[in-house]
Amino acid sequence: MAGFINKLTGFFTISRQHNPHFEAASKSRRMGGFDPAKKHINKAIEECGDTIVARSRWLYDNESLYGSATEEWVSAAVSDGIKPYPRIEGFQEEKKKLLDLWWQWVDEADYDEDANFYGLQATIAREVFLTGECFVRLHYVDLYGRSGVPLQLQIYPTEMLDLAYNGPAEIEGNYIRMGIEFNASGKRVAYHFWEHHPYDDVPANMAFESQERVRVKGSA
């Protein structure tokens, strides 16, 4: 009887060797082969980010379920988009002028003139779903178009940032990590984007020039 009890309790006993404080760190037969690389997320993205983004874009273009899921998420995230509601009590004429100005600017918001402001919102959401991030550059232009609002937005896809670009910055004390410039306090101060998309053809007059980066302030 004692032998049977010992066998029974032994069945439920895990040796100290395979029973660390956290079960997720177990070296048991089931978990023994599960030993992922120990890397900071930035290092992992630096090594694998380009491949993951390329695969995600390929799936969006070629797999209908992936594409449908993307568009469903975009639709849910953006919905009707940003719409202003002026809170000026008793000044209906001013409200109307502000709303008219808004709708005029909506059609002029895109620096590349490919979409209106609501199209930009959908593009940004789609980029975030597919690649995890999206960059928007603010261009403060001279009085532009019929609205006269001196602001346009330009979308930079994630590929515009060189993940392999590391080293000291021109400003003393600053350093560049994966295309992002930090100051001595570790705050982001600028981004170093490619002048042209790295996977697209360059204009004919620049075919023999080397690809260069453009430093864009973090607040721009």
Foldseek 3Di string as FASTA:
>chain_A
DVVVVVVVVVVVDDDPQQDDPDNQPGCDPVCVVPDDDDDDPLVVCLVCQVVQLVVLVVCLVPPPVSVVVLQVQLCVVQPVHDDDQDDDPPCVVVRVLVNVLVVQQQCVQAPVNPHGVSVVSSVQSSLCVRRVGKDKDWAQAQQDDPSRRRIHIYIDRPQQFQQPDWACDPDPQWTAHSQFIAHVVRHTFWGWGWPDRPPDQDDPVCNPPDIGTDIGTPVD
